[in-house]
């Protein structure tokens, strides 16, 4: 049974701010071998969701450098998974975080921004870690940044991905507790 739980934006932002300028040894660092930006954002979103999707090829997971989904560390594959585009559409209804593309004004803390160049190639993924008035600040890796103003980046196009929630699988025991307690928000340790 799948249920939707809230995405913990505070945890995602706290993780991003903690690790933006260094590397968590639990994950490989792709800096210099393709870039670490989406890997870092995936880690941050994992901190706010604590749920992976282990679907081979089309999921979103990291077990080791050799056992990970393309969506974990690739700008385009991440977008496809999180928004349910193309071949990922079937999996978007499965476990894990999910998002919709929104206008800049609707983006908030813990959401994702991706940049494209003039040729339309999406090349960088960052996470929103602060908003002050009209200015959005992001944190990133590869080109390491902590609360960098989005206005300081040189890009042709940006897309904003609002994390709507996280789908989680409940075990039979958790399902029972869910029903007995009257819903997810009342169930303990589900």
Protein backbone atom coordinates (compact mmCIF):
# COMPACT_ATOMS: atom_id res chain seq x y z
CA UNK A 1 0.00 0.00 0.00
CA UNK A 2 1.41 3.40 -1.01
CA UNK A 3 0.61 6.52 0.95
CA UNK A 4 1.86 10.08 0.51
CA UNK A 5 3.71 11.75 3.34
CA UNK A 6 4.99 15.32 3.49
CA UNK A 7 8.45 16.18 2.22
CA UNK A 8 10.51 17.52 5.14
CA UNK A 9 11.89 20.73 3.65
CA UNK A 10 13.71 21.71 6.82
CA UNK A 11 15.74 18.49 6.82
CA UNK A 12 16.53 18.79 3.11
CA UNK A 13 17.75 22.37 3.55
CA UNK A 14 19.73 21.53 6.72
CA UNK A 15 21.46 18.66 4.88
CA UNK A 16 22.26 20.86 1.88
CA UNK A 17 23.70 23.60 4.08
CA UNK A 18 25.74 21.08 6.09
CA UNK A 19 27.35 19.39 3.07
CA UNK A 20 27.41 22.08 0.35
CA UNK A 21 31.09 22.89 0.84
CA UNK A 22 32.31 19.38 1.73
CA UNK A 23 31.44 15.79 0.83
CA UNK A 24 29.48 13.18 2.74
CA UNK A 25 31.67 10.04 2.76
CA UNK A 26 28.59 7.82 2.39
CA UNK A 27 28.38 8.81 -1.30
CA UNK A 28 30.83 8.88 -4.21
CA UNK A 29 32.00 12.32 -5.34
CA UNK A 30 31.53 12.80 -9.09
CA UNK A 31 33.34 16.15 -9.15
CA UNK A 32 35.77 16.06 -12.06
CA UNK A 33 34.16 12.98 -13.61
CA UNK A 34 30.87 14.38 -14.84
CA UNK A 35 29.84 16.59 -11.93
CA UNK A 36 28.41 16.09 -8.47
CA UNK A 37 25.49 18.52 -8.58
CA UNK A 38 22.58 16.11 -9.02
CA UNK A 39 24.15 13.55 -6.68
CA UNK A 40 24.29 16.26 -4.00
CA UNK A 41 20.71 17.40 -4.61
CA UNK A 42 19.53 13.77 -4.51
CA UNK A 43 21.25 13.36 -1.14
CA UNK A 44 19.51 16.50 0.12
CA UNK A 45 16.11 15.31 -1.10
CA UNK A 46 16.75 11.93 0.49
CA UNK A 47 17.35 13.74 3.80
CA UNK A 48 13.90 15.30 3.39
CA UNK A 49 12.14 12.16 2.21
CA UNK A 50 14.03 9.13 3.59
CA UNK A 51 12.56 7.08 0.74
CA UNK A 52 14.20 5.72 -2.39
CA UNK A 53 12.66 4.01 -5.42
CA UNK A 54 14.62 0.82 -6.19
CA UNK A 55 13.05 0.19 -9.60
CA UNK A 56 15.90 -0.99 -11.88
CA UNK A 57 16.91 1.60 -14.51
CA UNK A 58 13.98 3.96 -13.90
CA UNK A 59 14.06 4.36 -10.12
CA UNK A 60 15.88 6.84 -7.89
CA UNK A 61 18.31 5.18 -5.50
CA UNK A 62 21.92 4.96 -4.37
CA UNK A 63 23.41 1.82 -2.82
CA UNK A 64 27.01 2.23 -4.02
CA UNK A 65 28.86 3.86 -6.92
CA UNK A 66 28.14 0.73 -8.98
CA UNK A 67 24.55 0.28 -7.75
CA UNK A 68 22.61 3.47 -8.37
CA UNK A 69 19.88 4.65 -10.66
CA UNK A 70 20.72 7.07 -13.48
CA UNK A 71 18.20 9.50 -11.94
CA UNK A 72 20.32 9.75 -8.79
CA UNK A 73 23.17 11.62 -10.51
CA UNK A 74 22.05 12.76 -13.97
CA UNK A 75 20.36 16.14 -14.52
CA UNK A 76 17.95 14.91 -17.20
CA UNK A 77 17.20 11.51 -15.66
CA UNK A 78 16.57 13.17 -12.28
CA UNK A 79 14.05 15.51 -13.93
CA UNK A 80 12.37 12.62 -15.72
CA UNK A 81 12.03 10.60 -12.50
CA UNK A 82 10.93 13.37 -10.16
CA UNK A 83 8.33 14.73 -12.61
CA UNK A 84 7.29 11.39 -14.13
CA UNK A 85 8.30 12.24 -17.70
CA UNK A 86 8.88 9.81 -20.57
CA UNK A 87 9.79 6.23 -19.60
CA UNK A 88 9.69 7.22 -15.94
CA UNK A 89 5.94 7.87 -16.01
CA UNK A 90 5.09 4.41 -14.67
CA UNK A 91 7.50 4.81 -11.76
CA UNK A 92 6.34 8.33 -10.82
CA UNK A 93 3.35 6.70 -9.16
CA UNK A 94 5.69 4.45 -7.16
CA UNK A 95 7.73 5.06 -4.03
CA UNK A 96 9.86 8.16 -3.63
CA UNK A 97 9.65 11.92 -3.88
CA UNK A 98 7.67 13.54 -6.69
CA UNK A 99 7.54 17.07 -8.06
CA UNK A 100 5.89 19.35 -10.55
CA UNK A 101 7.50 22.06 -12.62
CA UNK A 102 6.29 25.45 -11.36
CA UNK A 103 6.90 29.13 -12.08
CA UNK A 104 9.73 30.73 -10.10
CA UNK A 105 7.24 32.50 -7.82
CA UNK A 106 5.88 29.16 -6.60
CA UNK A 107 9.26 27.63 -5.74
CA UNK A 108 10.07 27.37 -2.05
CA UNK A 109 12.72 26.07 0.35
CA UNK A 110 13.90 22.54 -0.44
CA UNK A 111 12.76 22.76 -4.05
CA UNK A 112 15.09 22.14 -6.99
CA UNK A 113 16.33 24.44 -9.75
CA UNK A 114 17.92 23.19 -12.96
CA UNK A 115 19.81 25.34 -15.48
CA UNK A 116 20.12 25.01 -19.26
CA UNK A 117 22.54 26.66 -21.67
CA UNK A 118 21.64 28.47 -24.89
CA UNK A 119 21.47 25.18 -26.83
CA UNK A 120 18.84 23.86 -24.43
CA UNK A 121 21.12 21.36 -22.69
CA UNK A 122 20.24 21.00 -19.01
CA UNK A 123 23.56 20.93 -17.20
CA UNK A 124 23.24 21.86 -13.50
CA UNK A 125 21.00 20.99 -10.53
CA UNK A 126 20.82 23.04 -7.31
CA UNK A 127 18.57 23.15 -4.24
CA UNK A 128 16.87 26.22 -2.78
CA UNK A 129 18.21 26.86 0.73
CA UNK A 130 17.09 30.43 1.37
CA UNK A 131 14.61 32.98 0.04
CA UNK A 132 14.86 36.68 0.90
CA UNK A 133 12.23 38.82 -0.75
CA UNK A 134 12.47 38.25 -4.50
CA UNK A 135 15.94 36.68 -4.32
CA UNK A 136 16.31 32.90 -4.26
CA UNK A 137 19.52 31.43 -2.82
CA UNK A 138 20.72 27.95 -3.64
CA UNK A 139 23.31 25.46 -2.49
CA UNK A 140 25.20 23.19 -4.86
CA UNK A 141 28.22 21.00 -5.46
CA UNK A 142 30.69 20.63 -8.35
CA UNK A 143 30.73 24.41 -8.44
CA UNK A 144 30.35 24.42 -4.65
CA UNK A 145 27.95 27.03 -3.30
CA UNK A 146 26.26 27.76 0.01
CA UNK A 147 23.29 30.13 -0.22
CA UNK A 148 24.41 31.55 -3.57
CA UNK A 149 21.99 34.03 -5.18
CA UNK A 150 20.32 32.53 -8.22
CA UNK A 151 20.86 35.87 -9.96
CA UNK A 152 24.64 35.29 -9.87
CA UNK A 153 24.42 32.25 -12.18
CA UNK A 154 24.89 32.56 -15.93
CA UNK A 155 22.23 30.41 -17.61
CA UNK A 156 19.84 30.68 -20.55
CA UNK A 157 16.87 28.93 -18.92
CA UNK A 158 15.93 27.70 -15.45
CA UNK A 159 13.22 25.28 -14.42
CA UNK A 160 11.84 25.08 -10.89
CA UNK A 161 10.74 21.73 -9.47
CA UNK A 162 8.40 21.88 -6.50
CA UNK A 163 8.57 18.72 -4.39
CA UNK A 164 4.92 17.84 -3.77
CA UNK A 165 5.47 14.96 -1.36
CA UNK A 166 6.88 11.49 -0.90
CA UNK A 167 5.17 8.20 -1.66
CA UNK A 168 6.05 5.45 0.80
CA UNK A 169 5.22 1.78 0.90
CA UNK A 170 3.50 0.59 4.05
CA UNK A 171 4.04 -2.97 5.23
CA UNK A 172 1.04 -5.04 6.22
CA UNK A 173 1.78 -4.24 9.88
CA UNK A 174 2.10 -0.55 9.07
CA UNK A 175 -1.14 -0.72 7.11
CA UNK A 176 -2.88 -2.18 10.15
CA UNK A 177 -1.44 0.54 12.41
CA UNK A 178 -2.42 3.16 9.81
CA UNK A 179 -6.02 1.95 9.87
CA UNK A 180 -6.18 1.37 13.61
CA UNK A 181 -4.78 4.81 14.45
CA UNK A 182 -7.00 6.63 11.96
CA UNK A 183 -4.36 7.72 9.47
CA UNK A 184 -0.70 8.25 8.88
CA UNK A 185 -0.39 11.36 11.02
CA UNK A 186 -1.64 9.43 14.06
CA UNK A 187 0.27 6.16 13.52
CA UNK A 188 3.54 5.68 15.39
CA UNK A 189 6.66 4.38 13.59
CA UNK A 190 4.87 3.70 10.31
